[in-house]
């Protein structure tokens, strides 16, 4: 049991740290959503910088500085449509959920460290459930972001005068979002391993009580 628990402790530490690092990098980078208009720029002799990449907080163009996205928590009365208001609500939702998942992961790391040292069944169980809940928060944030991107794209298409321009523009999700998916999988795995470690400790304690 000692060897198995030691191996689980090392494994869960590596996976948990990896999940945290991937999520931090993803939140801090601006490659969640990429608009590649290089073909269109070439046809216009490169006079306009139409390509861009965006993150949770800002949008960046290739030959200009990044600029922040609209503050979703600004509630002063402004003349915006219902669809724009819905986009702001969705933006505010995933902007809250992603850092919240990071905070839950920090708390999970602290309780996990203590529970591994103490070999405490309740703490191991609580840590496993905390990581699984954090993974659910991350998944919800990802889902809202994908829905937000689809709604924003639909809104942008409605504003275009010529739909033919879309043929020359490549729109895709970037590597920042891929890192969030990796972090989510690692977070689920971390929670599952903590639950497994709790089971190992629980079985050991029962075995010692039986003796």
N, C-alpha and C. Protein backbone atom coordinates (compact mmCIF):
# COMPACT_ATOMS: atom_id res chain seq x y z
N UNK A 1 0.81 -1.21 0.00
CA UNK A 1 0.00 0.00 0.00
C UNK A 1 0.86 1.27 0.00
N UNK A 2 1.97 1.23 0.78
CA UNK A 2 2.82 2.42 0.86
C UNK A 2 3.41 2.75 -0.50
N UNK A 3 3.86 1.72 -1.22
CA UNK A 3 4.46 1.96 -2.53
C UNK A 3 3.42 2.51 -3.49
N UNK A 4 2.22 1.91 -3.50
CA UNK A 4 1.16 2.37 -4.39
C UNK A 4 0.76 3.80 -4.09
N UNK A 5 0.65 4.13 -2.82
CA UNK A 5 0.26 5.48 -2.44
C UNK A 5 1.35 6.49 -2.79
N UNK A 6 2.59 6.10 -2.66
CA UNK A 6 3.70 6.99 -3.02
C UNK A 6 3.71 7.26 -4.52
N UNK A 7 3.46 6.21 -5.30
CA UNK A 7 3.39 6.38 -6.76
C UNK A 7 2.22 7.27 -7.14
N UNK A 8 1.06 7.06 -6.51
CA UNK A 8 -0.10 7.90 -6.78
C UNK A 8 0.16 9.36 -6.40
N UNK A 9 0.86 9.56 -5.29
CA UNK A 9 1.16 10.92 -4.83
C UNK A 9 2.05 11.65 -5.84
N UNK A 10 3.06 10.95 -6.35
CA UNK A 10 3.95 11.56 -7.34
C UNK A 10 3.21 11.85 -8.64
N UNK A 11 2.39 10.89 -9.05
CA UNK A 11 1.65 11.05 -10.30
C UNK A 11 0.67 12.21 -10.22
N UNK A 12 -0.09 12.27 -9.10
CA UNK A 12 -1.10 13.31 -8.97
C UNK A 12 -0.45 14.69 -8.85
N UNK A 13 0.74 14.76 -8.28
CA UNK A 13 1.45 16.04 -8.18
C UNK A 13 1.85 16.53 -9.57
N UNK A 14 2.38 15.63 -10.39
CA UNK A 14 2.81 16.00 -11.74
C UNK A 14 1.63 16.43 -12.61
N UNK A 15 0.55 15.64 -12.54
CA UNK A 15 -0.63 15.95 -13.36
C UNK A 15 -1.30 17.23 -12.88
N UNK A 16 -1.40 17.41 -11.56
CA UNK A 16 -2.03 18.61 -11.02
C UNK A 16 -1.27 19.88 -11.38
N UNK A 17 0.05 19.83 -11.25
CA UNK A 17 0.87 21.00 -11.62
C UNK A 17 0.74 21.29 -13.12
N UNK A 18 0.73 20.24 -13.94
CA UNK A 18 0.58 20.42 -15.39
C UNK A 18 -0.75 21.09 -15.72
N UNK A 19 -1.81 20.64 -15.06
CA UNK A 19 -3.12 21.24 -15.30
C UNK A 19 -3.13 22.72 -14.93
N UNK A 20 -2.50 23.05 -13.81
CA UNK A 20 -2.44 24.45 -13.36
C UNK A 20 -1.65 25.30 -14.34
N UNK A 21 -0.49 24.81 -14.77
CA UNK A 21 0.37 25.58 -15.68
C UNK A 21 -0.32 25.80 -17.02
N UNK A 22 -0.95 24.76 -17.56
CA UNK A 22 -1.64 24.88 -18.85
C UNK A 22 -2.76 25.92 -18.77
N UNK A 23 -3.50 25.91 -17.66
CA UNK A 23 -4.60 26.86 -17.53
C UNK A 23 -4.09 28.28 -17.37
N UNK A 24 -3.02 28.47 -16.61
CA UNK A 24 -2.43 29.81 -16.45
C UNK A 24 -1.96 30.36 -17.79
N UNK A 25 -1.26 29.53 -18.55
CA UNK A 25 -0.75 29.96 -19.86
C UNK A 25 -1.91 30.29 -20.79
N UNK A 26 -2.95 29.46 -20.77
CA UNK A 26 -4.10 29.68 -21.65
C UNK A 26 -4.80 31.00 -21.32
N UNK A 27 -5.03 31.25 -20.02
CA UNK A 27 -5.72 32.48 -19.61
C UNK A 27 -4.88 33.71 -19.94
N UNK A 28 -3.57 33.59 -19.86
CA UNK A 28 -2.69 34.74 -20.08
C UNK A 28 -2.33 35.01 -21.53
N UNK A 29 -2.68 34.11 -22.46
CA UNK A 29 -2.33 34.30 -23.86
C UNK A 29 -3.54 34.71 -24.69
N UNK A 30 -3.29 35.16 -25.90
CA UNK A 30 -4.34 35.74 -26.74
C UNK A 30 -4.54 34.96 -28.04
N UNK A 31 -4.51 33.65 -27.95
CA UNK A 31 -4.69 32.83 -29.15
C UNK A 31 -5.84 31.84 -28.95
N UNK A 32 -6.92 32.33 -28.37
CA UNK A 32 -8.13 31.51 -28.23
C UNK A 32 -8.88 31.45 -29.56
N UNK A 33 -8.91 32.57 -30.25
CA UNK A 33 -9.69 32.69 -31.49
C UNK A 33 -8.84 33.43 -32.51
N UNK A 34 -8.67 32.82 -33.68
CA UNK A 34 -7.77 33.37 -34.70
C UNK A 34 -8.54 33.66 -35.98
N UNK A 35 -8.34 34.85 -36.49
CA UNK A 35 -8.90 35.24 -37.79
C UNK A 35 -7.73 35.49 -38.74
N UNK A 36 -7.56 34.61 -39.72
CA UNK A 36 -6.47 34.72 -40.67
C UNK A 36 -7.02 35.24 -42.00
N UNK A 37 -6.73 36.52 -42.28
CA UNK A 37 -7.19 37.14 -43.51
C UNK A 37 -6.03 37.46 -44.44
N UNK A 38 -4.98 36.62 -44.39
CA UNK A 38 -3.78 36.88 -45.19
C UNK A 38 -4.08 36.86 -46.70
N UNK A 39 -4.99 35.98 -47.12
CA UNK A 39 -5.35 35.95 -48.56
C UNK A 39 -6.02 37.23 -48.98
N UNK A 40 -6.92 37.72 -48.15
CA UNK A 40 -7.62 38.96 -48.46
C UNK A 40 -6.67 40.14 -48.41
N UNK A 41 -5.74 40.13 -47.47
CA UNK A 41 -4.76 41.21 -47.38
C UNK A 41 -3.84 41.23 -48.60
N UNK A 42 -3.49 40.04 -49.09
CA UNK A 42 -2.63 39.95 -50.27
C UNK A 42 -3.33 40.50 -51.50
N UNK A 43 -4.63 40.24 -51.62
CA UNK A 43 -5.38 40.74 -52.77
C UNK A 43 -5.54 42.25 -52.72
N UNK A 44 -5.39 42.82 -51.51
CA UNK A 44 -5.48 44.28 -51.35
C UNK A 44 -4.11 44.91 -51.21
N UNK A 45 -3.09 44.18 -51.62
CA UNK A 45 -1.69 44.65 -51.58
C UNK A 45 -1.21 44.91 -50.16
N UNK A 46 -1.84 44.22 -49.18
CA UNK A 46 -1.38 44.30 -47.79
C UNK A 46 -1.55 45.65 -47.15
N UNK A 47 -2.49 46.44 -47.64
CA UNK A 47 -2.67 47.78 -47.06
C UNK A 47 -3.41 47.74 -45.73
N UNK A 48 -4.25 46.72 -45.54
CA UNK A 48 -5.04 46.64 -44.31
C UNK A 48 -4.62 45.42 -43.50
N UNK A 49 -4.48 45.61 -42.21
CA UNK A 49 -4.17 44.50 -41.31
C UNK A 49 -5.48 43.95 -40.78
N UNK A 50 -6.03 42.95 -41.48
CA UNK A 50 -7.32 42.40 -41.12
C UNK A 50 -7.20 41.18 -40.21
N UNK A 51 -6.06 40.53 -40.24
CA UNK A 51 -5.87 39.34 -39.41
C UNK A 51 -5.76 39.74 -37.95
N UNK A 52 -6.27 38.87 -37.09
CA UNK A 52 -6.21 39.16 -35.66
C UNK A 52 -6.29 37.86 -34.87
N UNK A 53 -5.91 37.95 -33.62
CA UNK A 53 -6.08 36.83 -32.69
C UNK A 53 -6.50 37.41 -31.35
N UNK A 54 -7.36 36.71 -30.64
CA UNK A 54 -7.93 37.25 -29.42
C UNK A 54 -7.90 36.24 -28.29
N UNK A 55 -7.95 36.78 -27.07
CA UNK A 55 -8.00 35.96 -25.87
C UNK A 55 -9.23 36.31 -25.05
N UNK A 56 -9.15 36.09 -23.76
CA UNK A 56 -10.29 36.40 -22.90
C UNK A 56 -10.44 37.89 -22.66
N UNK A 57 -9.32 38.62 -22.75
CA UNK A 57 -9.34 40.01 -22.32
C UNK A 57 -9.14 41.01 -23.45
N UNK A 58 -8.51 40.59 -24.55
CA UNK A 58 -8.17 41.57 -25.58
C UNK A 58 -8.05 40.92 -26.95
N UNK A 59 -8.00 41.77 -27.96
CA UNK A 59 -7.81 41.35 -29.35
C UNK A 59 -6.56 42.02 -29.89
N UNK A 60 -5.76 41.28 -30.64
CA UNK A 60 -4.50 41.80 -31.17
C UNK A 60 -4.48 41.66 -32.69
N UNK A 61 -3.98 42.70 -33.35
CA UNK A 61 -3.76 42.65 -34.79
C UNK A 61 -2.26 42.51 -35.04
N UNK A 62 -1.93 42.09 -36.26
CA UNK A 62 -0.55 41.75 -36.56
C UNK A 62 0.37 42.96 -36.51
N UNK A 63 -0.06 44.08 -37.08
CA UNK A 63 0.82 45.23 -37.18
C UNK A 63 0.35 46.41 -36.32
N UNK A 64 -0.36 46.10 -35.26
CA UNK A 64 -0.80 47.16 -34.34
C UNK A 64 -0.89 46.60 -32.94
N UNK A 65 -1.08 47.47 -31.98
CA UNK A 65 -1.13 47.05 -30.60
C UNK A 65 -2.43 46.31 -30.29
N UNK A 66 -2.41 45.58 -29.19
CA UNK A 66 -3.62 44.90 -28.73
C UNK A 66 -4.55 45.91 -28.06
N UNK A 67 -5.83 45.68 -28.15
CA UNK A 67 -6.78 46.55 -27.48
C UNK A 67 -7.77 45.70 -26.69
N UNK A 68 -8.19 46.17 -25.53
CA UNK A 68 -9.06 45.36 -24.66
C UNK A 68 -10.44 45.18 -25.25
N UNK A 69 -11.06 44.06 -24.90
CA UNK A 69 -12.44 43.82 -25.29
C UNK A 69 -13.36 44.68 -24.44
N UNK A 70 -14.61 44.79 -24.87
CA UNK A 70 -15.58 45.60 -24.11
C UNK A 70 -15.76 45.01 -22.72
N UNK A 71 -15.75 45.86 -21.72
CA UNK A 71 -15.92 45.42 -20.35
C UNK A 71 -17.33 44.84 -20.16
N UNK A 72 -17.46 43.54 -19.89
CA UNK A 72 -18.79 42.94 -19.78
C UNK A 72 -19.52 43.31 -18.50
N UNK A 73 -18.81 43.95 -17.55
CA UNK A 73 -19.41 44.30 -16.26
C UNK A 73 -19.79 45.78 -16.18
N UNK A 74 -19.75 46.44 -17.32
CA UNK A 74 -20.11 47.86 -17.37
C UNK A 74 -21.62 47.95 -17.57
N UNK A 75 -22.35 48.36 -16.53
CA UNK A 75 -23.80 48.29 -16.56
C UNK A 75 -24.47 49.65 -16.74
N UNK A 76 -23.72 50.63 -17.16
CA UNK A 76 -24.37 51.92 -17.40
C UNK A 76 -25.28 51.81 -18.62
N UNK A 77 -26.29 52.65 -18.66
CA UNK A 77 -27.28 52.58 -19.74
C UNK A 77 -26.64 53.00 -21.06
N UNK A 78 -26.53 52.06 -21.96
CA UNK A 78 -26.00 52.33 -23.29
C UNK A 78 -26.94 51.72 -24.30
N UNK A 79 -26.95 52.28 -25.47
CA UNK A 79 -27.84 51.80 -26.52
C UNK A 79 -27.20 50.62 -27.25
N UNK A 80 -27.51 49.42 -26.78
CA UNK A 80 -27.03 48.21 -27.43
C UNK A 80 -28.21 47.28 -27.66
N UNK A 81 -28.08 46.44 -28.66
CA UNK A 81 -29.16 45.52 -28.99
C UNK A 81 -29.19 44.36 -28.00
N UNK A 82 -30.27 43.60 -28.06
CA UNK A 82 -30.41 42.44 -27.17
C UNK A 82 -29.33 41.40 -27.45
N UNK A 83 -28.98 41.23 -28.73
CA UNK A 83 -27.95 40.24 -29.08
C UNK A 83 -26.58 40.66 -28.55
N UNK A 84 -26.29 41.95 -28.62
CA UNK A 84 -25.03 42.45 -28.08
C UNK A 84 -24.99 42.30 -26.56
N UNK A 85 -26.13 42.53 -25.91
CA UNK A 85 -26.19 42.37 -24.45
C UNK A 85 -25.97 40.91 -24.06
N UNK A 86 -26.54 40.00 -24.86
CA UNK A 86 -26.34 38.58 -24.60
C UNK A 86 -24.86 38.20 -24.75
N UNK A 87 -24.19 38.78 -25.75
CA UNK A 87 -22.76 38.53 -25.93
C UNK A 87 -21.96 39.01 -24.73
N UNK A 88 -22.35 40.17 -24.19
CA UNK A 88 -21.66 40.70 -23.01
C UNK A 88 -21.85 39.78 -21.80
N UNK A 89 -23.06 39.26 -21.64
CA UNK A 89 -23.33 38.34 -20.53
C UNK A 89 -22.50 37.06 -20.68
N UNK A 90 -22.42 36.54 -21.89
CA UNK A 90 -21.64 35.33 -22.14
C UNK A 90 -20.16 35.59 -21.90
N UNK A 91 -19.69 36.76 -22.35
CA UNK A 91 -18.29 37.13 -22.14
C UNK A 91 -17.98 37.23 -20.65
N UNK A 92 -18.88 37.89 -19.91
CA UNK A 92 -18.68 38.01 -18.47
C UNK A 92 -18.69 36.66 -17.77
N UNK A 93 -19.47 35.72 -18.29
CA UNK A 93 -19.56 34.40 -17.67
C UNK A 93 -18.26 33.64 -17.76
N UNK A 94 -17.69 33.52 -18.98
CA UNK A 94 -16.45 32.73 -19.07
C UNK A 94 -15.24 33.49 -18.54
N UNK A 95 -15.32 34.82 -18.49
CA UNK A 95 -14.24 35.59 -17.87
C UNK A 95 -14.18 35.33 -16.37
N UNK A 96 -15.34 35.03 -15.77
CA UNK A 96 -15.39 34.69 -14.35
C UNK A 96 -15.02 33.23 -14.12
N UNK A 97 -15.55 32.33 -14.97
CA UNK A 97 -15.39 30.90 -14.75
C UNK A 97 -13.95 30.43 -14.87
N UNK A 98 -13.20 30.95 -15.82
CA UNK A 98 -11.83 30.48 -16.02
C UNK A 98 -10.92 30.81 -14.83
N UNK A 99 -10.89 32.06 -14.36
CA UNK A 99 -10.10 32.34 -13.15
C UNK A 99 -10.63 31.61 -11.92
N UNK A 100 -11.96 31.40 -11.85
CA UNK A 100 -12.53 30.65 -10.73
C UNK A 100 -11.99 29.22 -10.71
N UNK A 101 -11.89 28.62 -11.87
CA UNK A 101 -11.32 27.27 -11.95
C UNK A 101 -9.88 27.26 -11.47
N UNK A 102 -9.15 28.33 -11.79
CA UNK A 102 -7.76 28.45 -11.35
C UNK A 102 -7.69 28.57 -9.83
N UNK A 103 -8.60 29.33 -9.24
CA UNK A 103 -8.63 29.48 -7.78
C UNK A 103 -8.96 28.15 -7.10
N UNK A 104 -9.93 27.43 -7.66
CA UNK A 104 -10.28 26.12 -7.11
C UNK A 104 -9.10 25.16 -7.18
N UNK A 105 -8.32 25.29 -8.26
CA UNK A 105 -7.16 24.42 -8.41
C UNK A 105 -6.09 24.75 -7.36
N UNK A 106 -5.95 26.03 -7.03
CA UNK A 106 -4.99 26.43 -6.00
C UNK A 106 -5.40 25.86 -4.64
N UNK A 107 -6.68 26.01 -4.31
CA UNK A 107 -7.17 25.44 -3.05
C UNK A 107 -7.03 23.92 -3.05
N UNK A 108 -7.32 23.31 -4.19
CA UNK A 108 -7.17 21.86 -4.29
C UNK A 108 -5.73 21.42 -4.11
N UNK A 109 -4.81 22.22 -4.63
CA UNK A 109 -3.39 21.90 -4.45
C UNK A 109 -2.96 21.97 -3.00
N UNK A 110 -3.47 22.98 -2.28
CA UNK A 110 -3.11 23.12 -0.87
C UNK A 110 -3.68 21.98 -0.03
N UNK A 111 -4.98 21.70 -0.22
CA UNK A 111 -5.58 20.60 0.54
C UNK A 111 -5.00 19.26 0.14
N UNK A 112 -4.65 19.13 -1.15
CA UNK A 112 -4.05 17.88 -1.61
C UNK A 112 -2.69 17.64 -1.00
N UNK A 113 -1.89 18.68 -0.88
CA UNK A 113 -0.56 18.55 -0.28
C UNK A 113 -0.67 18.12 1.18
N UNK A 114 -1.60 18.75 1.91
CA UNK A 114 -1.79 18.40 3.32
C UNK A 114 -2.32 16.98 3.46
N UNK A 115 -3.28 16.62 2.60
CA UNK A 115 -3.90 15.30 2.71
C UNK A 115 -2.92 14.18 2.39
N UNK A 116 -2.01 14.42 1.45
CA UNK A 116 -1.01 13.40 1.11
C UNK A 116 -0.02 13.21 2.24
N UNK A 117 0.40 14.33 2.86
CA UNK A 117 1.33 14.22 3.98
C UNK A 117 0.68 13.54 5.19
N UNK A 118 -0.59 13.89 5.42
CA UNK A 118 -1.28 13.35 6.60
C UNK A 118 -1.91 11.99 6.34
N UNK A 119 -1.97 11.59 5.06
CA UNK A 119 -2.65 10.34 4.70
C UNK A 119 -4.08 10.34 5.25
N UNK A 120 -4.74 11.48 5.12
CA UNK A 120 -6.07 11.67 5.70
C UNK A 120 -7.14 11.35 4.65
N UNK A 121 -7.96 10.36 4.93
CA UNK A 121 -9.01 9.94 3.99
C UNK A 121 -10.00 11.06 3.68
N UNK A 122 -10.55 11.77 4.70
CA UNK A 122 -11.53 12.83 4.38
C UNK A 122 -10.94 13.93 3.50
N UNK A 123 -9.69 14.33 3.78
CA UNK A 123 -9.06 15.39 2.98
C UNK A 123 -8.79 14.94 1.55
N UNK A 124 -8.34 13.69 1.40
CA UNK A 124 -8.11 13.15 0.05
C UNK A 124 -9.41 13.11 -0.75
N UNK A 125 -10.47 12.68 -0.09
CA UNK A 125 -11.78 12.62 -0.75
C UNK A 125 -12.26 14.01 -1.13
N UNK A 126 -12.14 14.96 -0.19
CA UNK A 126 -12.57 16.33 -0.46
C UNK A 126 -11.77 16.95 -1.59
N UNK A 127 -10.45 16.68 -1.61
CA UNK A 127 -9.60 17.23 -2.67
C UNK A 127 -9.99 16.67 -4.03
N UNK A 128 -10.25 15.37 -4.08
CA UNK A 128 -10.68 14.76 -5.34
C UNK A 128 -11.96 15.38 -5.86
N UNK A 129 -12.93 15.57 -4.98
CA UNK A 129 -14.20 16.18 -5.37
C UNK A 129 -14.01 17.64 -5.77
N UNK A 130 -13.08 18.34 -5.09
CA UNK A 130 -12.81 19.74 -5.41
C UNK A 130 -12.22 19.87 -6.81
N UNK A 131 -11.30 18.98 -7.16
CA UNK A 131 -10.71 19.02 -8.50
C UNK A 131 -11.74 18.67 -9.57
N UNK A 132 -12.60 17.71 -9.27
CA UNK A 132 -13.65 17.35 -10.24
C UNK A 132 -14.64 18.50 -10.43
N UNK A 133 -14.95 19.20 -9.33
CA UNK A 133 -15.82 20.37 -9.44
C UNK A 133 -15.14 21.47 -10.24
N UNK A 134 -13.83 21.66 -10.00
CA UNK A 134 -13.08 22.65 -10.78
C UNK A 134 -13.06 22.29 -12.26
N UNK A 135 -12.96 20.99 -12.56
CA UNK A 135 -12.99 20.55 -13.95
C UNK A 135 -14.34 20.85 -14.59
N UNK A 136 -15.41 20.70 -13.80
CA UNK A 136 -16.75 21.03 -14.30
C UNK A 136 -16.87 22.52 -14.59
N UNK A 137 -16.28 23.34 -13.73
CA UNK A 137 -16.27 24.79 -13.96
C UNK A 137 -15.49 25.13 -15.23
N UNK A 138 -14.35 24.47 -15.41
CA UNK A 138 -13.55 24.69 -16.62
C UNK A 138 -14.32 24.30 -17.87
N UNK A 139 -14.97 23.14 -17.83
CA UNK A 139 -15.75 22.68 -18.98
C UNK A 139 -16.91 23.63 -19.29
N UNK A 140 -17.54 24.14 -18.24
CA UNK A 140 -18.62 25.11 -18.45
C UNK A 140 -18.08 26.38 -19.10
N UNK A 141 -16.91 26.85 -18.63
CA UNK A 141 -16.30 28.03 -19.23
C UNK A 141 -15.95 27.82 -20.69
N UNK A 142 -15.41 26.65 -21.02
CA UNK A 142 -15.08 26.33 -22.41
C UNK A 142 -16.34 26.33 -23.27
N UNK A 143 -17.41 25.70 -22.76
CA UNK A 143 -18.66 25.61 -23.51
C UNK A 143 -19.25 26.98 -23.77
N UNK A 144 -19.22 27.84 -22.73
CA UNK A 144 -19.76 29.19 -22.90
C UNK A 144 -18.92 29.97 -23.90
N UNK A 145 -17.58 29.79 -23.86
CA UNK A 145 -16.72 30.51 -24.80
C UNK A 145 -16.99 30.09 -26.24
N UNK A 146 -17.17 28.79 -26.46
CA UNK A 146 -17.45 28.30 -27.81
C UNK A 146 -18.79 28.84 -28.30
N UNK A 147 -19.80 28.84 -27.41
CA UNK A 147 -21.10 29.39 -27.77
C UNK A 147 -21.00 30.89 -28.04
N UNK A 148 -20.20 31.58 -27.24
CA UNK A 148 -19.98 33.02 -27.42
C UNK A 148 -19.32 33.30 -28.78
N UNK A 149 -18.33 32.51 -29.13
CA UNK A 149 -17.64 32.69 -30.41
C UNK A 149 -18.58 32.47 -31.58
N UNK A 150 -19.43 31.44 -31.47
CA UNK A 150 -20.39 31.18 -32.54
C UNK A 150 -21.39 32.32 -32.67
N UNK A 151 -21.86 32.83 -31.54
CA UNK A 151 -22.82 33.94 -31.56
C UNK A 151 -22.18 35.22 -32.10
N UNK A 152 -20.93 35.48 -31.70
CA UNK A 152 -20.22 36.67 -32.19
C UNK A 152 -19.98 36.57 -33.70
N UNK A 153 -19.64 35.37 -34.17
CA UNK A 153 -19.43 35.17 -35.61
C UNK A 153 -20.72 35.41 -36.38
N UNK A 154 -21.82 34.89 -35.85
CA UNK A 154 -23.12 35.08 -36.50
C UNK A 154 -23.48 36.56 -36.56
N UNK A 155 -23.18 37.28 -35.49
CA UNK A 155 -23.46 38.72 -35.44
C UNK A 155 -22.60 39.47 -36.45
N UNK A 156 -21.33 39.06 -36.57
CA UNK A 156 -20.43 39.72 -37.52
C UNK A 156 -20.85 39.45 -38.96
N UNK A 157 -21.32 38.24 -39.23
CA UNK A 157 -21.77 37.90 -40.59
C UNK A 157 -22.96 38.77 -40.99
N UNK A 158 -23.85 39.02 -40.04
CA UNK A 158 -25.02 39.86 -40.33
C UNK A 158 -24.62 41.29 -40.70
N UNK A 159 -23.47 41.74 -40.19
CA UNK A 159 -23.01 43.11 -40.47
C UNK A 159 -22.23 43.22 -41.77
N UNK A 160 -21.80 42.07 -42.33
CA UNK A 160 -21.03 42.10 -43.56
C UNK A 160 -21.92 42.44 -44.75
N UNK A 161 -21.40 43.29 -45.60
CA UNK A 161 -22.13 43.62 -46.82
C UNK A 161 -21.98 42.52 -47.87
N UNK A 162 -20.80 41.96 -47.93
CA UNK A 162 -20.53 40.90 -48.92
C UNK A 162 -20.13 39.63 -48.19
N UNK A 163 -20.94 38.59 -48.32
CA UNK A 163 -20.65 37.30 -47.69
C UNK A 163 -19.51 36.57 -48.39
N UNK A 164 -19.14 37.02 -49.60
CA UNK A 164 -18.06 36.38 -50.35
C UNK A 164 -16.71 36.55 -49.66
N UNK A 165 -16.59 37.57 -48.81
CA UNK A 165 -15.33 37.81 -48.11
C UNK A 165 -14.97 36.65 -47.18
N UNK A 166 -15.98 35.93 -46.70
CA UNK A 166 -15.73 34.83 -45.77
C UNK A 166 -14.95 33.70 -46.41
N UNK A 167 -15.04 33.57 -47.73
CA UNK A 167 -14.31 32.51 -48.44
C UNK A 167 -12.80 32.72 -48.31
N UNK A 168 -12.37 33.98 -48.23
CA UNK A 168 -10.95 34.30 -48.18
C UNK A 168 -10.43 34.47 -46.75
N UNK A 169 -11.29 34.24 -45.77
CA UNK A 169 -10.89 34.40 -44.38
C UNK A 169 -10.95 33.06 -43.66
N UNK A 170 -9.85 32.71 -43.00
CA UNK A 170 -9.78 31.46 -42.24
C UNK A 170 -10.01 31.78 -40.76
N UNK A 171 -11.09 31.26 -40.21
CA UNK A 171 -11.45 31.52 -38.82
C UNK A 171 -11.40 30.20 -38.06
N UNK A 172 -10.65 30.18 -36.96
CA UNK A 172 -10.49 28.92 -36.21
C UNK A 172 -10.13 29.24 -34.75
N UNK A 173 -10.31 28.22 -33.91
CA UNK A 173 -9.85 28.32 -32.54
C UNK A 173 -8.34 28.09 -32.48
N UNK A 174 -7.68 28.76 -31.53
CA UNK A 174 -6.23 28.70 -31.47
C UNK A 174 -5.70 27.77 -30.41
N UNK A 175 -4.38 27.81 -30.23
CA UNK A 175 -3.72 26.88 -29.32
C UNK A 175 -3.98 27.20 -27.85
N UNK A 176 -4.39 28.42 -27.55
CA UNK A 176 -4.73 28.74 -26.16
C UNK A 176 -5.94 27.92 -25.69
N UNK A 177 -6.93 27.79 -26.57
CA UNK A 177 -8.09 26.98 -26.23
C UNK A 177 -7.72 25.50 -26.13
N UNK A 178 -6.77 25.07 -26.98
CA UNK A 178 -6.30 23.68 -26.90
C UNK A 178 -5.65 23.41 -25.54
N UNK A 179 -4.92 24.39 -25.02
CA UNK A 179 -4.29 24.23 -23.70
C UNK A 179 -5.34 24.10 -22.60
N UNK A 180 -6.46 24.81 -22.76
CA UNK A 180 -7.53 24.69 -21.76
C UNK A 180 -8.11 23.29 -21.77
N UNK A 181 -8.28 22.71 -22.96
CA UNK A 181 -8.78 21.34 -23.05
C UNK A 181 -7.82 20.36 -22.38
N UNK A 182 -6.52 20.56 -22.60
CA UNK A 182 -5.53 19.70 -21.96
C UNK A 182 -5.59 19.86 -20.44
N UNK A 183 -5.72 21.12 -19.99
CA UNK A 183 -5.83 21.38 -18.56
C UNK A 183 -7.07 20.72 -17.97
N UNK A 184 -8.16 20.76 -18.71
CA UNK A 184 -9.40 20.13 -18.24
C UNK A 184 -9.23 18.62 -18.06
N UNK A 185 -8.62 17.98 -19.05
CA UNK A 185 -8.40 16.53 -18.96
C UNK A 185 -7.49 16.20 -17.78
N UNK A 186 -6.42 17.00 -17.62
CA UNK A 186 -5.50 16.78 -16.50
C UNK A 186 -6.19 17.02 -15.16
N UNK A 187 -7.10 17.98 -15.13
CA UNK A 187 -7.82 18.29 -13.90
C UNK A 187 -8.74 17.14 -13.51
N UNK A 188 -9.44 16.57 -14.50
CA UNK A 188 -10.29 15.40 -14.24
C UNK A 188 -9.45 14.23 -13.75
N UNK A 189 -8.31 14.03 -14.39
CA UNK A 189 -7.42 12.93 -14.00
C UNK A 189 -6.90 13.13 -12.58
N UNK A 190 -6.57 14.38 -12.24
CA UNK A 190 -6.09 14.68 -10.89
C UNK A 190 -7.16 14.35 -9.84
N UNK A 191 -8.39 14.78 -10.11
CA UNK A 191 -9.48 14.47 -9.18
C UNK A 191 -9.70 12.98 -9.03
N UNK A 192 -9.65 12.25 -10.15
CA UNK A 192 -9.86 10.81 -10.11
C UNK A 192 -8.76 10.10 -9.32
N UNK A 193 -7.52 10.57 -9.48
CA UNK A 193 -6.40 9.94 -8.75
C UNK A 193 -6.49 10.24 -7.26
N UNK A 194 -6.93 11.44 -6.90
CA UNK A 194 -7.13 11.75 -5.48
C UNK A 194 -8.21 10.85 -4.87
N UNK A 195 -9.27 10.60 -5.62
CA UNK A 195 -10.31 9.69 -5.14
C UNK A 195 -9.77 8.27 -4.99
N UNK A 196 -8.91 7.88 -5.93
CA UNK A 196 -8.28 6.56 -5.84
C UNK A 196 -7.37 6.47 -4.63
N UNK A 197 -6.62 7.57 -4.39
CA UNK A 197 -5.75 7.60 -3.22
C UNK A 197 -6.57 7.54 -1.93
N UNK A 198 -7.73 8.20 -1.92
CA UNK A 198 -8.61 8.14 -0.75
C UNK A 198 -9.08 6.71 -0.52
N UNK A 199 -9.38 6.01 -1.60
CA UNK A 199 -9.82 4.61 -1.47
C UNK A 199 -8.68 3.74 -0.91
N UNK A 200 -7.47 3.97 -1.40
CA UNK A 200 -6.32 3.19 -0.91
C UNK A 200 -6.12 3.42 0.59
N UNK A 201 -6.17 4.71 1.00
CA UNK A 201 -6.00 5.03 2.42
C UNK A 201 -7.14 4.44 3.24
N UNK A 202 -8.37 4.53 2.72
CA UNK A 202 -9.51 3.99 3.44
C UNK A 202 -9.42 2.49 3.63
N UNK A 203 -9.01 1.77 2.58
CA UNK A 203 -8.85 0.32 2.69
C UNK A 203 -7.74 -0.04 3.68
N UNK A 204 -6.67 0.76 3.66
CA UNK A 204 -5.56 0.50 4.60
C UNK A 204 -6.01 0.69 6.04
N UNK A 205 -6.77 1.75 6.28
CA UNK A 205 -7.25 2.01 7.65
C UNK A 205 -8.20 0.92 8.13
N UNK A 206 -9.05 0.45 7.23
CA UNK A 206 -9.95 -0.66 7.61
C UNK A 206 -9.18 -1.92 7.91
N UNK A 207 -8.14 -2.15 7.11
CA UNK A 207 -7.33 -3.35 7.32
C UNK A 207 -6.61 -3.29 8.66
N UNK A 208 -6.10 -2.09 9.02
CA UNK A 208 -5.41 -1.94 10.30
C UNK A 208 -6.40 -2.06 11.47
N UNK A 209 -7.62 -1.56 11.31
CA UNK A 209 -8.61 -1.68 12.37
C UNK A 209 -9.05 -3.13 12.57
N UNK A 210 -9.09 -3.87 11.46
CA UNK A 210 -9.49 -5.28 11.54
C UNK A 210 -8.45 -6.11 12.28
N UNK A 211 -7.17 -5.70 12.14
CA UNK A 211 -6.11 -6.42 12.84
C UNK A 211 -6.08 -6.07 14.33
